[in-house]
Amino acid sequence: MAVYNAPLNDMRFILNDVFKAPQFWQNNENLAHVDTETVDMIFRRNGKTVKKRFVAYQP
């Protein structure tokens, strides 16, 4: 059975290094409360959820 692991390092790289999201968040008053730790927590939690659902659909 295949095991799914979310590509967290790739997502972090794209968000932080390519899109420069933390700088954007700090420069936007509506998003100034968002930080990298919070987004990372969301990525990890969503990765766990997808992993559970992926296993449920295995034949």
Foldseek 3Di string as FASTA:
>chain_A
DDFDADPLVVVCCCCCPVVVPQVVQCVDPVRVVDDPVVVSVVSRVVRVVVRVVVVVPDD
